[in-house]
PDB file of N, CA and C in Angstrom:
ATOM      1  N   MET A   1       9.033   3.767 -16.745  1.00  0.00           N
ATOM      2  CA  MET A   1       8.586   4.938 -16.017  1.00  0.00           C
ATOM      3  C   MET A   1       8.557   4.617 -14.518  1.00  0.00           C
ATOM      4  N   LYS A   2       9.299   5.362 -13.741  1.00  0.00           N
ATOM      5  CA  LYS A   2       9.358   5.170 -12.289  1.00  0.00           C
ATOM      6  C   LYS A   2       8.173   5.864 -11.642  1.00  0.00           C
ATOM      7  N   ILE A   3       7.346   5.067 -10.969  1.00  0.00           N
ATOM      8  CA  ILE A   3       6.192   5.602 -10.259  1.00  0.00           C
ATOM      9  C   ILE A   3       6.610   5.865  -8.813  1.00  0.00           C
ATOM     10  N   PRO A   4       6.365   7.071  -8.296  1.00  0.00           N
ATOM     11  CA  PRO A   4       6.757   7.373  -6.919  1.00  0.00           C
ATOM     12  C   PRO A   4       6.010   6.503  -5.906  1.00  0.00           C
ATOM     13  N   CYS A   5       6.715   6.107  -4.868  1.00  0.00           N
ATOM     14  CA  CYS A   5       6.109   5.288  -3.819  1.00  0.00           C
ATOM     15  C   CYS A   5       4.913   5.990  -3.181  1.00  0.00           C
ATOM     16  N   ASP A   6       4.977   7.307  -3.025  1.00  0.00           N
ATOM     17  CA  ASP A   6       3.858   8.040  -2.437  1.00  0.00           C
ATOM     18  C   ASP A   6       2.568   7.779  -3.213  1.00  0.00           C
ATOM     19  N   LEU A   7       2.658   7.766  -4.518  1.00  0.00           N
ATOM     20  CA  LEU A   7       1.485   7.523  -5.357  1.00  0.00           C
ATOM     21  C   LEU A   7       0.990   6.087  -5.188  1.00  0.00           C
ATOM     22  N   ILE A   8       1.910   5.133  -5.172  1.00  0.00           N
ATOM     23  CA  ILE A   8       1.536   3.736  -4.991  1.00  0.00           C
ATOM     24  C   ILE A   8       0.856   3.547  -3.638  1.00  0.00           C
ATOM     25  N   LEU A   9       1.434   4.116  -2.590  1.00  0.00           N
ATOM     26  CA  LEU A   9       0.856   3.989  -1.252  1.00  0.00           C
ATOM     27  C   LEU A   9      -0.549   4.585  -1.201  1.00  0.00           C
ATOM     28  N   ASP A  10      -0.768   5.677  -1.905  1.00  0.00           N
ATOM     29  CA  ASP A  10      -2.108   6.280  -1.959  1.00  0.00           C
ATOM     30  C   ASP A  10      -3.116   5.349  -2.636  1.00  0.00           C
ATOM     31  N   LEU A  11      -2.648   4.588  -3.612  1.00  0.00           N
ATOM     32  CA  LEU A  11      -3.546   3.729  -4.393  1.00  0.00           C
ATOM     33  C   LEU A  11      -3.734   2.326  -3.815  1.00  0.00           C
ATOM     34  N   LEU A  12      -2.914   1.952  -2.844  1.00  0.00           N
ATOM     35  CA  LEU A  12      -2.989   0.588  -2.313  1.00  0.00           C
ATOM     36  C   LEU A  12      -4.373   0.191  -1.792  1.00  0.00           C
ATOM     37  N   PRO A  13      -5.111   1.068  -1.101  1.00  0.00           N
ATOM     38  CA  PRO A  13      -6.450   0.647  -0.659  1.00  0.00           C
ATOM     39  C   PRO A  13      -7.368   0.298  -1.841  1.00  0.00           C
ATOM     40  N   LEU A  14      -7.290   1.048  -2.920  1.00  0.00           N
ATOM     41  CA  LEU A  14      -8.088   0.731  -4.115  1.00  0.00           C
ATOM     42  C   LEU A  14      -7.637  -0.594  -4.713  1.00  0.00           C
ATOM     43  N   TYR A  15      -6.349  -0.781  -4.767  1.00  0.00           N
ATOM     44  CA  TYR A  15      -5.772  -2.019  -5.304  1.00  0.00           C
ATOM     45  C   TYR A  15      -6.197  -3.218  -4.463  1.00  0.00           C
ATOM     46  N   GLN A  16      -6.123  -3.058  -3.154  1.00  0.00           N
ATOM     47  CA  GLN A  16      -6.473  -4.144  -2.246  1.00  0.00           C
ATOM     48  C   GLN A  16      -7.936  -4.561  -2.418  1.00  0.00           C
ATOM     49  N   ASN A  17      -8.794  -3.597  -2.706  1.00  0.00           N
ATOM     50  CA  ASN A  17     -10.227  -3.870  -2.840  1.00  0.00           C
ATOM     51  C   ASN A  17     -10.670  -4.073  -4.284  1.00  0.00           C
ATOM     52  N   ASN A  18      -9.696  -4.242  -5.183  1.00  0.00           N
ATOM     53  CA  ASN A  18      -9.985  -4.464  -6.610  1.00  0.00           C
ATOM     54  C   ASN A  18     -10.861  -3.362  -7.203  1.00  0.00           C
ATOM     55  N   LEU A  19     -10.554  -2.117  -6.859  1.00  0.00           N
ATOM     56  CA  LEU A  19     -11.344  -0.986  -7.326  1.00  0.00           C
ATOM     57  C   LEU A  19     -10.601  -0.079  -8.308  1.00  0.00           C
ATOM     58  N   CYS A  20      -9.374  -0.427  -8.678  1.00  0.00           N
ATOM     59  CA  CYS A  20      -8.640   0.415  -9.617  1.00  0.00           C
ATOM     60  C   CYS A  20      -8.741  -0.170 -11.032  1.00  0.00           C
ATOM     61  N   SER A  21      -8.413   0.646 -11.992  1.00  0.00           N
ATOM     62  CA  SER A  21      -8.476   0.215 -13.390  1.00  0.00           C
ATOM     63  C   SER A  21      -7.434  -0.856 -13.669  1.00  0.00           C
ATOM     64  N   GLU A  22      -7.595  -1.542 -14.773  1.00  0.00           N
ATOM     65  CA  GLU A  22      -6.625  -2.582 -15.157  1.00  0.00           C
ATOM     66  C   GLU A  22      -5.229  -1.988 -15.321  1.00  0.00           C
ATOM     67  N   GLY A  23      -5.161  -0.790 -15.902  1.00  0.00           N
ATOM     68  CA  GLY A  23      -3.866  -0.144 -16.089  1.00  0.00           C
ATOM     69  C   GLY A  23      -3.192   0.183 -14.766  1.00  0.00           C
ATOM     70  N   SER A  24      -3.966   0.737 -13.845  1.00  0.00           N
ATOM     71  CA  SER A  24      -3.420   1.049 -12.525  1.00  0.00           C
ATOM     72  C   SER A  24      -3.017  -0.222 -11.797  1.00  0.00           C
ATOM     73  N   GLU A  25      -3.839  -1.251 -11.911  1.00  0.00           N
ATOM     74  CA  GLU A  25      -3.525  -2.522 -11.265  1.00  0.00           C
ATOM     75  C   GLU A  25      -2.198  -3.084 -11.767  1.00  0.00           C
ATOM     76  N   ALA A  26      -1.980  -3.014 -13.070  1.00  0.00           N
ATOM     77  CA  ALA A  26      -0.734  -3.526 -13.645  1.00  0.00           C
ATOM     78  C   ALA A  26       0.473  -2.730 -13.141  1.00  0.00           C
ATOM     79  N   ILE A  27       0.331  -1.423 -13.070  1.00  0.00           N
ATOM     80  CA  ILE A  27       1.428  -0.568 -12.602  1.00  0.00           C
ATOM     81  C   ILE A  27       1.733  -0.858 -11.137  1.00  0.00           C
ATOM     82  N   ILE A  28       0.690  -0.982 -10.320  1.00  0.00           N
ATOM     83  CA  ILE A  28       0.891  -1.245  -8.896  1.00  0.00           C
ATOM     84  C   ILE A  28       1.501  -2.621  -8.688  1.00  0.00           C
ATOM     85  N   THR A  29       1.008  -3.618  -9.405  1.00  0.00           N
ATOM     86  CA  THR A  29       1.557  -4.975  -9.297  1.00  0.00           C
ATOM     87  C   THR A  29       3.037  -4.979  -9.647  1.00  0.00           C
ATOM     88  N   GLU A  30       3.391  -4.298 -10.717  1.00  0.00           N
ATOM     89  CA  GLU A  30       4.797  -4.229 -11.119  1.00  0.00           C
ATOM     90  C   GLU A  30       5.634  -3.535 -10.052  1.00  0.00           C
ATOM     91  N   HIS A  31       5.128  -2.422  -9.527  1.00  0.00           N
ATOM     92  CA  HIS A  31       5.854  -1.674  -8.501  1.00  0.00           C
ATOM     93  C   HIS A  31       6.062  -2.544  -7.261  1.00  0.00           C
ATOM     94  N   LEU A  32       5.014  -3.249  -6.837  1.00  0.00           N
ATOM     95  CA  LEU A  32       5.110  -4.091  -5.648  1.00  0.00           C
ATOM     96  C   LEU A  32       6.129  -5.214  -5.828  1.00  0.00           C
ATOM     97  N   SER A  33       6.329  -5.634  -7.064  1.00  0.00           N
ATOM     98  CA  SER A  33       7.296  -6.711  -7.311  1.00  0.00           C
ATOM     99  C   SER A  33       8.740  -6.228  -7.237  1.00  0.00           C
ATOM    100  N   THR A  34       8.940  -4.915  -7.281  1.00  0.00           N
ATOM    101  CA  THR A  34      10.308  -4.385  -7.273  1.00  0.00           C
ATOM    102  C   THR A  34      10.624  -3.502  -6.071  1.00  0.00           C
ATOM    103  N   CYS A  35       9.609  -3.142  -5.278  1.00  0.00           N
ATOM    104  CA  CYS A  35       9.818  -2.230  -4.143  1.00  0.00           C
ATOM    105  C   CYS A  35       9.474  -2.954  -2.836  1.00  0.00           C
ATOM    106  N   ASP A  36      10.503  -3.295  -2.087  1.00  0.00           N
ATOM    107  CA  ASP A  36      10.296  -4.015  -0.831  1.00  0.00           C
ATOM    108  C   ASP A  36       9.460  -3.214   0.164  1.00  0.00           C
ATOM    109  N   CYS A  37       9.693  -1.921   0.240  1.00  0.00           N
ATOM    110  CA  CYS A  37       8.987  -1.085   1.203  1.00  0.00           C
ATOM    111  C   CYS A  37       7.473  -1.106   0.929  1.00  0.00           C
ATOM    112  N   CYS A  38       7.088  -0.824  -0.293  1.00  0.00           N
ATOM    113  CA  CYS A  38       5.660  -0.799  -0.641  1.00  0.00           C
ATOM    114  C   CYS A  38       5.051  -2.189  -0.524  1.00  0.00           C
ATOM    115  N   HIS A  39       5.825  -3.193  -0.868  1.00  0.00           N
ATOM    116  CA  HIS A  39       5.346  -4.572  -0.745  1.00  0.00           C
ATOM    117  C   HIS A  39       5.063  -4.919   0.719  1.00  0.00           C
ATOM    118  N   LYS A  40       5.933  -4.474   1.619  1.00  0.00           N
ATOM    119  CA  LYS A  40       5.733  -4.727   3.044  1.00  0.00           C
ATOM    120  C   LYS A  40       4.484  -4.010   3.551  1.00  0.00           C
ATOM    121  N   VAL A  41       4.264  -2.787   3.085  1.00  0.00           N
ATOM    122  CA  VAL A  41       3.051  -2.061   3.475  1.00  0.00           C
ATOM    123  C   VAL A  41       1.822  -2.828   3.006  1.00  0.00           C
ATOM    124  N   PHE A  42       1.850  -3.301   1.767  1.00  0.00           N
ATOM    125  CA  PHE A  42       0.714  -4.050   1.242  1.00  0.00           C
ATOM    126  C   PHE A  42       0.491  -5.336   2.031  1.00  0.00           C
ATOM    127  N   GLU A  43       1.559  -6.042   2.371  1.00  0.00           N
ATOM    128  CA  GLU A  43       1.424  -7.256   3.176  1.00  0.00           C
ATOM    129  C   GLU A  43       0.790  -6.937   4.526  1.00  0.00           C
ATOM    130  N   LYS A  44       1.206  -5.826   5.127  1.00  0.00           N
ATOM    131  CA  LYS A  44       0.646  -5.414   6.423  1.00  0.00           C
ATOM    132  C   LYS A  44      -0.838  -5.090   6.263  1.00  0.00           C
ATOM    133  N   MET A  45      -1.198  -4.456   5.172  1.00  0.00           N
ATOM    134  CA  MET A  45      -2.610  -4.152   4.916  1.00  0.00           C
ATOM    135  C   MET A  45      -3.428  -5.438   4.843  1.00  0.00           C
ATOM    136  N   GLU A  46      -2.869  -6.448   4.199  1.00  0.00           N
ATOM    137  CA  GLU A  46      -3.566  -7.725   4.077  1.00  0.00           C
ATOM    138  C   GLU A  46      -3.756  -8.377   5.447  1.00  0.00           C
ATOM    139  N   GLU A  47      -2.774  -8.212   6.329  1.00  0.00           N
ATOM    140  CA  GLU A  47      -2.879  -8.753   7.683  1.00  0.00           C
ATOM    141  C   GLU A  47      -3.961  -8.044   8.492  1.00  0.00           C
ATOM    142  N   LEU A  48      -4.217  -6.781   8.175  1.00  0.00           N
ATOM    143  CA  LEU A  48      -5.152  -5.959   8.945  1.00  0.00           C
ATOM    144  C   LEU A  48      -6.615  -6.204   8.590  1.00  0.00           C
ATOM    145  N   ILE A  49      -6.879  -6.999   7.582  1.00  0.00           N
ATOM    146  CA  ILE A  49      -8.246  -7.220   7.115  1.00  0.00           C
ATOM    147  C   ILE A  49      -9.179  -7.659   8.244  1.00  0.00           C
ATOM    148  N   ASP A  50      -8.725  -8.537   9.127  1.00  0.00           N
ATOM    149  CA  ASP A  50      -9.585  -9.094  10.164  1.00  0.00           C
ATOM    150  C   ASP A  50      -9.559  -8.331  11.488  1.00  0.00           C
ATOM    151  N   ILE A  51      -8.879  -7.207  11.526  1.00  0.00           N
ATOM    152  CA  ILE A  51      -8.782  -6.411  12.752  1.00  0.00           C
ATOM    153  C   ILE A  51      -9.955  -5.419  12.788  1.00  0.00           C
ATOM    154  N   PRO A  52     -10.572  -5.197  13.969  1.00  0.00           N
ATOM    155  CA  PRO A  52     -11.650  -4.204  14.063  1.00  0.00           C
ATOM    156  C   PRO A  52     -11.212  -2.844  13.527  1.00  0.00           C
ATOM    157  N   GLN A  53     -12.142  -2.107  12.934  1.00  0.00           N
ATOM    158  CA  GLN A  53     -11.836  -0.868  12.207  1.00  0.00           C
ATOM    159  C   GLN A  53     -11.007   0.130  13.016  1.00  0.00           C
ATOM    160  N   GLY A  54     -11.361   0.406  14.267  1.00  0.00           N
ATOM    161  CA  GLY A  54     -10.625   1.392  15.060  1.00  0.00           C
ATOM    162  C   GLY A  54      -9.173   1.009  15.260  1.00  0.00           C
ATOM    163  N   GLU A  55      -8.935  -0.259  15.567  1.00  0.00           N
ATOM    164  CA  GLU A  55      -7.563  -0.738  15.733  1.00  0.00           C
ATOM    165  C   GLU A  55      -6.817  -0.709  14.407  1.00  0.00           C
ATOM    166  N   MET A  56      -7.517  -1.060  13.323  1.00  0.00           N
ATOM    167  CA  MET A  56      -6.891  -1.085  12.007  1.00  0.00           C
ATOM    168  C   MET A  56      -6.449   0.312  11.596  1.00  0.00           C
ATOM    169  N   ASP A  57      -7.289   1.320  11.832  1.00  0.00           N
ATOM    170  CA  ASP A  57      -6.940   2.683  11.448  1.00  0.00           C
ATOM    171  C   ASP A  57      -5.653   3.129  12.125  1.00  0.00           C
ATOM    172  N   ALA A  58      -5.521   2.879  13.417  1.00  0.00           N
ATOM    173  CA  ALA A  58      -4.329   3.295  14.152  1.00  0.00           C
ATOM    174  C   ALA A  58      -3.094   2.534  13.673  1.00  0.00           C
ATOM    175  N   THR A  59      -3.225   1.245  13.464  1.00  0.00           N
ATOM    176  CA  THR A  59      -2.096   0.425  13.015  1.00  0.00           C
ATOM    177  C   THR A  59      -1.683   0.812  11.607  1.00  0.00           C
ATOM    178  N   PHE A  60      -2.655   0.987  10.724  1.00  0.00           N
ATOM    179  CA  PHE A  60      -2.359   1.348   9.340  1.00  0.00           C
ATOM    180  C   PHE A  60      -1.690   2.709   9.264  1.00  0.00           C
ATOM    181  N   GLU A  61      -2.131   3.638  10.094  1.00  0.00           N
ATOM    182  CA  GLU A  61      -1.506   4.963  10.109  1.00  0.00           C
ATOM    183  C   GLU A  61      -0.028   4.846  10.481  1.00  0.00           C
ATOM    184  N   LYS A  62       0.290   4.002  11.461  1.00  0.00           N
ATOM    185  CA  LYS A  62       1.687   3.802  11.856  1.00  0.00           C
ATOM    186  C   LYS A  62       2.504   3.202  10.709  1.00  0.00           C
ATOM    187  N   VAL A  63       1.921   2.226  10.025  1.00  0.00           N
ATOM    188  CA  VAL A  63       2.615   1.584   8.900  1.00  0.00           C
ATOM    189  C   VAL A  63       2.883   2.602   7.797  1.00  0.00           C
ATOM    190  N   LEU A  64       1.877   3.409   7.451  1.00  0.00           N
ATOM    191  CA  LEU A  64       2.062   4.410   6.398  1.00  0.00           C
ATOM    192  C   LEU A  64       3.091   5.464   6.797  1.00  0.00           C
ATOM    193  N   ARG A  65       3.043   5.926   8.031  1.00  0.00           N
ATOM    194  CA  ARG A  65       4.028   6.919   8.483  1.00  0.00           C
ATOM    195  C   ARG A  65       5.450   6.365   8.358  1.00  0.00           C
ATOM    196  N   ALA A  66       5.645   5.116   8.742  1.00  0.00           N
ATOM    197  CA  ALA A  66       6.964   4.493   8.645  1.00  0.00           C
ATOM    198  C   ALA A  66       7.409   4.394   7.197  1.00  0.00           C
ATOM    199  N   ALA A  67       6.479   4.041   6.303  1.00  0.00           N
ATOM    200  CA  ALA A  67       6.818   3.921   4.886  1.00  0.00           C
ATOM    201  C   ALA A  67       7.188   5.279   4.304  1.00  0.00           C
ATOM    202  N   TYR A  68       6.429   6.318   4.635  1.00  0.00           N
ATOM    203  CA  TYR A  68       6.730   7.658   4.123  1.00  0.00           C
ATOM    204  C   TYR A  68       8.075   8.162   4.644  1.00  0.00           C
ATOM    205  N   LYS A  69       8.366   7.899   5.923  1.00  0.00           N
ATOM    206  CA  LYS A  69       9.646   8.318   6.489  1.00  0.00           C
ATOM    207  C   LYS A  69      10.814   7.646   5.762  1.00  0.00           C
ATOM    208  N   GLN A  70      10.619   6.386   5.384  1.00  0.00           N
ATOM    209  CA  GLN A  70      11.681   5.644   4.725  1.00  0.00           C
ATOM    210  C   GLN A  70      12.003   6.245   3.364  1.00  0.00           C
ATOM    211  N   HIS A  71      11.023   6.862   2.709  1.00  0.00           N
ATOM    212  CA  HIS A  71      11.230   7.406   1.368  1.00  0.00           C
ATOM    213  C   HIS A  71      11.533   8.904   1.371  1.00  0.00           C
ATOM    214  N   HIS A  72      11.512   9.517   2.538  1.00  0.00           N
ATOM    215  CA  HIS A  72      11.768  10.975   2.580  1.00  0.00           C
ATOM    216  C   HIS A  72      12.909  11.304   3.473  1.00  0.00           C
TER     217      HIS A  72
END
């Protein structure tokens, strides 16, 4: 079953914070292993952990916009 990148991108914050169900976690993990674009977004999210919230919001918004543009 092909999961749309838009859905994965929406769930990445939950995944990053270990707040999604085991089933969702497995689906996201599998998707990240096969989708370079979503994997890059997730890697960028991991880099943003130590950035102050205001800066992180602006940077993350840019990353998400770029990812959505790539898929549309």
